[in-house]
């Protein structure tokens, strides 16, 4: 008699291939330009990075309104505006030399540290921490 083999469901198989966190070409503090969506052409600084969701929050981009109820009797309620996350693929890093959007490469130095390099100008891009 053949041994019983339990196949994993399709959903379980699909999640195995997805990485736990995506490798992003941008980091917190970088100056970026939005290249897709309603805010196309806008520039701003990255405020927050969500590598698991492959999303970033850019200052002044994708502003949404949220109705907030006061949690305490003295607290304020009303409509608050804040930037919502957008897909990281919809932003491009700005070249430090020309200020134009550029792709990014990684270069390993002699001492083993990895630095990001702008493809257009070849200038290293400093990490803002």
N, C-alpha and C. Protein backbone atom coordinates (compact mmCIF):
# COMPACT_ATOMS: atom_id res chain seq x y z
N UNK A 1 0.83 -1.18 0.00
CA UNK A 1 0.00 0.00 0.00
C UNK A 1 0.88 1.25 0.00
N UNK A 2 0.46 2.25 -0.78
CA UNK A 2 1.22 3.48 -0.88
C UNK A 2 1.11 4.31 0.40
N UNK A 3 2.21 4.95 0.82
CA UNK A 3 2.10 5.82 2.00
C UNK A 3 1.31 7.08 1.66
N UNK A 4 0.59 7.59 2.65
CA UNK A 4 -0.19 8.80 2.44
C UNK A 4 0.73 10.01 2.39
N UNK A 5 0.56 10.84 1.39
CA UNK A 5 1.35 12.06 1.25
C UNK A 5 0.38 13.23 1.27
N UNK A 6 0.57 14.10 2.22
CA UNK A 6 -0.30 15.27 2.33
C UNK A 6 0.36 16.45 1.63
N UNK A 7 -0.29 16.93 0.58
CA UNK A 7 0.24 18.09 -0.14
C UNK A 7 -0.15 19.36 0.60
N UNK A 8 0.73 20.32 0.53
CA UNK A 8 0.42 21.62 1.12
C UNK A 8 -0.58 22.33 0.23
N UNK A 9 -1.39 23.16 0.85
CA UNK A 9 -2.36 23.91 0.06
C UNK A 9 -1.64 24.93 -0.81
N UNK A 10 -2.31 25.44 -1.81
CA UNK A 10 -1.70 26.42 -2.70
C UNK A 10 -1.31 27.68 -1.94
N UNK A 11 -2.14 28.09 -1.01
CA UNK A 11 -1.84 29.29 -0.24
C UNK A 11 -0.56 29.12 0.56
N UNK A 12 -0.37 27.95 1.16
CA UNK A 12 0.83 27.70 1.96
C UNK A 12 2.06 27.68 1.06
N UNK A 13 1.94 27.12 -0.14
CA UNK A 13 3.08 27.08 -1.05
C UNK A 13 3.46 28.47 -1.54
N UNK A 14 2.48 29.32 -1.76
CA UNK A 14 2.74 30.66 -2.28
C UNK A 14 3.49 31.51 -1.26
N UNK A 15 3.15 31.39 0.02
CA UNK A 15 3.78 32.22 1.04
C UNK A 15 5.23 31.82 1.28
N UNK A 16 5.61 30.59 0.95
CA UNK A 16 6.99 30.17 1.16
C UNK A 16 7.95 30.93 0.27
N UNK A 17 7.51 31.33 -0.93
CA UNK A 17 8.39 32.00 -1.87
C UNK A 17 8.60 33.47 -1.55
N UNK A 18 7.67 34.09 -0.84
CA UNK A 18 7.79 35.51 -0.54
C UNK A 18 8.85 35.73 0.53
N UNK A 19 9.72 36.73 0.34
CA UNK A 19 10.74 36.98 1.35
C UNK A 19 10.13 37.57 2.62
N UNK A 20 10.81 37.37 3.73
CA UNK A 20 10.32 37.90 5.00
C UNK A 20 10.32 39.42 4.97
N UNK A 21 11.34 40.00 4.35
CA UNK A 21 11.40 41.46 4.16
C UNK A 21 12.10 41.73 2.85
N UNK A 22 11.64 42.74 2.15
CA UNK A 22 12.18 43.08 0.83
C UNK A 22 13.44 43.93 0.98
N UNK A 23 14.33 43.79 0.04
CA UNK A 23 15.54 44.62 -0.01
C UNK A 23 15.17 45.89 -0.75
N UNK A 24 15.23 47.02 -0.08
CA UNK A 24 14.80 48.29 -0.67
C UNK A 24 15.98 49.09 -1.18
N UNK A 25 15.73 49.87 -2.23
CA UNK A 25 16.75 50.72 -2.82
C UNK A 25 16.79 52.08 -2.14
N UNK A 26 15.87 52.33 -1.22
CA UNK A 26 15.81 53.61 -0.51
C UNK A 26 15.84 53.35 0.99
N UNK A 27 16.19 54.39 1.75
CA UNK A 27 16.25 54.27 3.20
C UNK A 27 15.65 55.54 3.81
N UNK A 28 15.42 55.50 5.09
CA UNK A 28 14.85 56.64 5.79
C UNK A 28 15.78 57.85 5.66
N UNK A 29 15.20 58.99 5.35
CA UNK A 29 15.98 60.23 5.21
C UNK A 29 16.40 60.54 3.79
N UNK A 30 16.22 59.62 2.85
CA UNK A 30 16.60 59.86 1.45
C UNK A 30 15.64 60.84 0.79
N UNK A 31 16.16 61.62 -0.16
CA UNK A 31 15.32 62.51 -0.98
C UNK A 31 14.91 61.71 -2.22
N UNK A 32 13.58 61.63 -2.47
CA UNK A 32 13.07 60.84 -3.58
C UNK A 32 12.05 61.65 -4.38
N UNK A 33 11.79 61.17 -5.59
CA UNK A 33 10.74 61.74 -6.45
C UNK A 33 9.75 60.62 -6.76
N UNK A 34 8.45 60.94 -6.70
CA UNK A 34 7.41 59.97 -7.00
C UNK A 34 7.29 59.87 -8.51
N UNK A 35 7.31 58.64 -9.05
CA UNK A 35 7.28 58.46 -10.51
C UNK A 35 5.97 57.86 -10.99
N UNK A 36 5.11 57.42 -10.09
CA UNK A 36 3.81 56.84 -10.46
C UNK A 36 2.74 57.31 -9.49
N UNK A 37 1.51 57.36 -9.96
CA UNK A 37 0.38 57.63 -9.09
C UNK A 37 -0.09 59.07 -9.15
N UNK A 38 -1.00 59.41 -8.25
CA UNK A 38 -1.61 60.74 -8.23
C UNK A 38 -0.60 61.84 -7.90
N UNK A 39 0.40 61.53 -7.10
CA UNK A 39 1.39 62.53 -6.69
C UNK A 39 2.65 62.49 -7.55
N UNK A 40 2.51 62.05 -8.79
CA UNK A 40 3.65 61.92 -9.69
C UNK A 40 4.36 63.26 -9.86
N UNK A 41 5.70 63.24 -9.75
CA UNK A 41 6.50 64.44 -9.90
C UNK A 41 6.84 65.13 -8.60
N UNK A 42 6.16 64.79 -7.52
CA UNK A 42 6.45 65.41 -6.23
C UNK A 42 7.71 64.84 -5.63
N UNK A 43 8.44 65.69 -4.90
CA UNK A 43 9.66 65.27 -4.23
C UNK A 43 9.48 65.41 -2.73
N UNK A 44 10.18 64.59 -1.99
CA UNK A 44 10.11 64.67 -0.54
C UNK A 44 11.11 63.75 0.11
N UNK A 45 11.15 63.84 1.43
CA UNK A 45 12.06 63.03 2.23
C UNK A 45 11.30 61.81 2.74
N UNK A 46 11.97 60.67 2.79
CA UNK A 46 11.34 59.46 3.30
C UNK A 46 11.30 59.54 4.82
N UNK A 47 10.08 59.43 5.36
CA UNK A 47 9.89 59.52 6.80
C UNK A 47 9.93 58.14 7.47
N UNK A 48 9.41 57.14 6.77
CA UNK A 48 9.32 55.80 7.37
C UNK A 48 9.42 54.74 6.28
N UNK A 49 10.04 53.61 6.59
CA UNK A 49 10.19 52.51 5.64
C UNK A 49 9.58 51.25 6.25
N UNK A 50 8.75 50.56 5.45
CA UNK A 50 8.15 49.29 5.86
C UNK A 50 8.66 48.19 4.93
N UNK A 51 9.80 47.54 5.24
CA UNK A 51 10.37 46.55 4.32
C UNK A 51 9.51 45.31 4.16
N UNK A 52 8.73 44.93 5.17
CA UNK A 52 7.89 43.74 5.04
C UNK A 52 6.76 43.96 4.06
N UNK A 53 6.22 45.17 4.02
CA UNK A 53 5.13 45.47 3.09
C UNK A 53 5.62 46.07 1.78
N UNK A 54 6.93 46.35 1.65
CA UNK A 54 7.54 46.98 0.47
C UNK A 54 6.93 48.36 0.23
N UNK A 55 6.76 49.13 1.32
CA UNK A 55 6.14 50.45 1.23
C UNK A 55 6.99 51.48 1.97
N UNK A 56 6.84 52.75 1.56
CA UNK A 56 7.53 53.86 2.20
C UNK A 56 6.55 55.01 2.41
N UNK A 57 6.84 55.84 3.42
CA UNK A 57 6.06 57.05 3.66
C UNK A 57 6.94 58.23 3.25
N UNK A 58 6.43 59.06 2.32
CA UNK A 58 7.18 60.21 1.83
C UNK A 58 6.49 61.48 2.32
N UNK A 59 7.31 62.42 2.77
CA UNK A 59 6.82 63.68 3.32
C UNK A 59 6.03 64.45 2.27
N UNK A 60 4.77 64.78 2.56
CA UNK A 60 3.94 65.59 1.67
C UNK A 60 3.34 64.83 0.50
N UNK A 61 3.43 63.52 0.49
CA UNK A 61 2.91 62.71 -0.61
C UNK A 61 1.83 61.77 -0.08
N UNK A 62 0.77 61.56 -0.86
CA UNK A 62 -0.33 60.67 -0.52
C UNK A 62 -0.97 61.06 0.82
N UNK A 63 -1.34 62.34 0.93
CA UNK A 63 -1.96 62.85 2.15
C UNK A 63 -3.40 62.34 2.22
N UNK A 64 -3.75 61.72 3.35
CA UNK A 64 -5.09 61.21 3.55
C UNK A 64 -5.68 61.86 4.80
N UNK A 65 -7.02 61.88 4.85
CA UNK A 65 -7.71 62.45 6.00
C UNK A 65 -8.31 61.32 6.83
N UNK A 66 -8.21 61.45 8.14
CA UNK A 66 -8.76 60.45 9.03
C UNK A 66 -9.60 61.15 10.08
N UNK A 67 -10.79 60.63 10.30
CA UNK A 67 -11.68 61.19 11.31
C UNK A 67 -11.31 60.56 12.65
N UNK A 68 -10.94 61.41 13.60
CA UNK A 68 -10.44 60.91 14.89
C UNK A 68 -11.39 61.33 15.99
N UNK A 69 -11.78 60.36 16.80
CA UNK A 69 -12.63 60.63 17.95
C UNK A 69 -11.74 60.84 19.17
N UNK A 70 -12.14 61.74 20.06
CA UNK A 70 -11.37 62.00 21.27
C UNK A 70 -11.38 60.76 22.16
N UNK A 71 -10.21 60.35 22.64
CA UNK A 71 -10.12 59.16 23.49
C UNK A 71 -10.41 59.51 24.94
N UNK A 72 -10.18 60.75 25.32
CA UNK A 72 -10.50 61.22 26.67
C UNK A 72 -11.42 62.43 26.56
N UNK A 73 -12.12 62.79 27.63
CA UNK A 73 -12.99 63.97 27.55
C UNK A 73 -12.23 65.27 27.24
N UNK A 74 -10.96 65.35 27.64
CA UNK A 74 -10.18 66.55 27.37
C UNK A 74 -9.50 66.49 26.00
N UNK A 75 -9.43 65.30 25.41
CA UNK A 75 -8.74 65.12 24.13
C UNK A 75 -9.49 65.77 22.98
N UNK A 76 -8.76 66.02 21.92
CA UNK A 76 -9.35 66.66 20.75
C UNK A 76 -9.83 65.62 19.75
N UNK A 77 -10.92 65.94 19.10
CA UNK A 77 -11.41 65.11 18.01
C UNK A 77 -11.46 65.98 16.76
N UNK A 78 -11.56 65.35 15.62
CA UNK A 78 -11.62 66.11 14.38
C UNK A 78 -11.02 65.32 13.23
N UNK A 79 -10.74 66.04 12.16
CA UNK A 79 -10.17 65.41 10.96
C UNK A 79 -8.69 65.72 10.93
N UNK A 80 -7.87 64.67 10.93
CA UNK A 80 -6.42 64.87 10.87
C UNK A 80 -5.92 64.42 9.50
N UNK A 81 -4.89 65.09 9.02
CA UNK A 81 -4.27 64.75 7.73
C UNK A 81 -2.87 64.22 8.00
N UNK A 82 -2.50 63.15 7.29
CA UNK A 82 -1.17 62.57 7.46
C UNK A 82 -0.78 61.85 6.18
N UNK A 83 0.53 61.70 5.92
CA UNK A 83 0.96 60.97 4.72
C UNK A 83 0.81 59.46 4.92
N UNK A 84 0.21 58.80 3.94
CA UNK A 84 0.02 57.35 3.99
C UNK A 84 1.13 56.68 3.18
N UNK A 85 1.41 55.40 3.44
CA UNK A 85 2.47 54.70 2.71
C UNK A 85 2.12 54.50 1.23
N UNK A 86 3.16 54.51 0.39
CA UNK A 86 3.02 54.17 -1.03
C UNK A 86 4.02 53.07 -1.34
N UNK A 87 3.84 52.40 -2.46
CA UNK A 87 4.74 51.32 -2.84
C UNK A 87 6.15 51.87 -3.10
N UNK A 88 7.15 51.14 -2.65
CA UNK A 88 8.54 51.59 -2.80
C UNK A 88 8.96 51.62 -4.27
N UNK A 89 8.27 50.84 -5.13
CA UNK A 89 8.62 50.84 -6.55
C UNK A 89 8.16 52.12 -7.23
N UNK A 90 7.33 52.92 -6.58
CA UNK A 90 6.83 54.16 -7.18
C UNK A 90 7.68 55.37 -6.86
N UNK A 91 8.82 55.19 -6.22
CA UNK A 91 9.72 56.31 -5.93
C UNK A 91 11.10 56.02 -6.48
N UNK A 92 11.80 57.10 -6.86
CA UNK A 92 13.19 56.98 -7.32
C UNK A 92 14.06 57.93 -6.53
N UNK A 93 15.23 57.46 -6.18
CA UNK A 93 16.19 58.25 -5.43
C UNK A 93 16.71 59.39 -6.30
N UNK A 94 16.97 60.56 -5.69
CA UNK A 94 17.49 61.69 -6.45
C UNK A 94 19.01 61.67 -6.44
N UNK A 95 19.59 61.97 -7.60
CA UNK A 95 21.04 62.03 -7.77
C UNK A 95 21.58 63.19 -6.94
N UNK A 96 22.62 62.97 -6.11
CA UNK A 96 23.15 64.07 -5.30
C UNK A 96 23.82 65.18 -6.13
N UNK A 97 24.27 64.86 -7.33
CA UNK A 97 24.97 65.83 -8.16
C UNK A 97 24.00 66.70 -8.96
N UNK A 98 23.06 66.06 -9.69
CA UNK A 98 22.18 66.80 -10.58
C UNK A 98 20.78 67.02 -10.02
N UNK A 99 20.37 66.24 -9.04
CA UNK A 99 19.02 66.37 -8.50
C UNK A 99 17.97 65.65 -9.33
N UNK A 100 18.39 64.87 -10.31
CA UNK A 100 17.47 64.11 -11.16
C UNK A 100 17.29 62.70 -10.60
N UNK A 101 16.15 62.05 -10.89
CA UNK A 101 15.97 60.67 -10.42
C UNK A 101 16.98 59.72 -11.06
N UNK A 102 17.47 58.78 -10.29
CA UNK A 102 18.47 57.84 -10.78
C UNK A 102 18.27 56.46 -10.16
N UNK A 103 18.75 55.45 -10.86
CA UNK A 103 18.78 54.12 -10.29
C UNK A 103 19.99 54.03 -9.35
N UNK A 104 20.03 52.94 -8.59
CA UNK A 104 21.08 52.81 -7.57
C UNK A 104 21.81 51.49 -7.76
N UNK A 105 23.12 51.56 -7.63
CA UNK A 105 23.94 50.34 -7.61
C UNK A 105 24.64 50.27 -6.26
N UNK A 106 25.10 49.09 -5.93
CA UNK A 106 25.85 48.91 -4.69
C UNK A 106 27.29 48.59 -5.04
N UNK A 107 28.22 49.25 -4.34
CA UNK A 107 29.65 49.03 -4.59
C UNK A 107 30.33 48.72 -3.26
N UNK A 108 31.17 47.69 -3.30
CA UNK A 108 31.89 47.29 -2.09
C UNK A 108 33.27 47.94 -2.10
N UNK A 109 33.61 48.63 -1.01
CA UNK A 109 34.91 49.28 -0.89
C UNK A 109 35.99 48.27 -0.53
N UNK A 110 37.21 48.75 -0.47
CA UNK A 110 38.35 47.90 -0.11
C UNK A 110 38.20 47.32 1.30
N UNK A 111 37.65 48.16 2.21
CA UNK A 111 37.50 47.70 3.60
C UNK A 111 36.26 46.83 3.81
N UNK A 112 35.47 46.60 2.75
CA UNK A 112 34.33 45.69 2.84
C UNK A 112 33.00 46.35 3.07
N UNK A 113 32.98 47.68 3.25
CA UNK A 113 31.69 48.36 3.45
C UNK A 113 30.99 48.54 2.11
N UNK A 114 29.68 48.44 2.13
CA UNK A 114 28.89 48.59 0.92
C UNK A 114 28.32 49.99 0.88
N UNK A 115 28.51 50.69 -0.25
CA UNK A 115 27.93 52.02 -0.40
C UNK A 115 27.05 52.05 -1.63
N UNK A 116 26.06 52.91 -1.60
CA UNK A 116 25.16 53.07 -2.74
C UNK A 116 25.74 54.10 -3.69
N UNK A 117 25.61 53.83 -4.99
CA UNK A 117 26.17 54.70 -6.01
C UNK A 117 25.07 55.05 -7.01
N UNK A 118 24.96 56.33 -7.36
CA UNK A 118 23.99 56.77 -8.37
C UNK A 118 24.47 56.34 -9.74
N UNK A 119 23.59 55.73 -10.53
CA UNK A 119 23.97 55.23 -11.85
C UNK A 119 24.28 56.38 -12.79
N UNK A 120 23.51 57.47 -12.75
CA UNK A 120 23.69 58.58 -13.69
C UNK A 120 25.03 59.28 -13.53
N UNK A 121 25.41 59.61 -12.30
CA UNK A 121 26.62 60.41 -12.11
C UNK A 121 27.79 59.62 -11.53
N UNK A 122 27.52 58.45 -10.95
CA UNK A 122 28.58 57.69 -10.31
C UNK A 122 28.94 58.19 -8.93
N UNK A 123 28.20 59.17 -8.42
CA UNK A 123 28.46 59.74 -7.10
C UNK A 123 27.95 58.80 -6.01
N UNK A 124 28.70 58.65 -4.90
CA UNK A 124 28.18 57.86 -3.80
C UNK A 124 27.02 58.59 -3.11
N UNK A 125 26.05 57.83 -2.64
CA UNK A 125 24.90 58.40 -1.95
C UNK A 125 25.06 58.10 -0.47
N UNK A 126 25.12 59.15 0.32
CA UNK A 126 25.33 59.00 1.75
C UNK A 126 24.05 58.53 2.43
N UNK A 127 24.19 57.68 3.43
CA UNK A 127 23.05 57.24 4.22
C UNK A 127 22.80 58.26 5.31
N UNK A 128 21.55 58.70 5.43
CA UNK A 128 21.18 59.64 6.48
C UNK A 128 20.67 58.83 7.65
N UNK A 129 21.29 58.98 8.82
CA UNK A 129 20.86 58.19 9.98
C UNK A 129 20.48 59.11 11.10
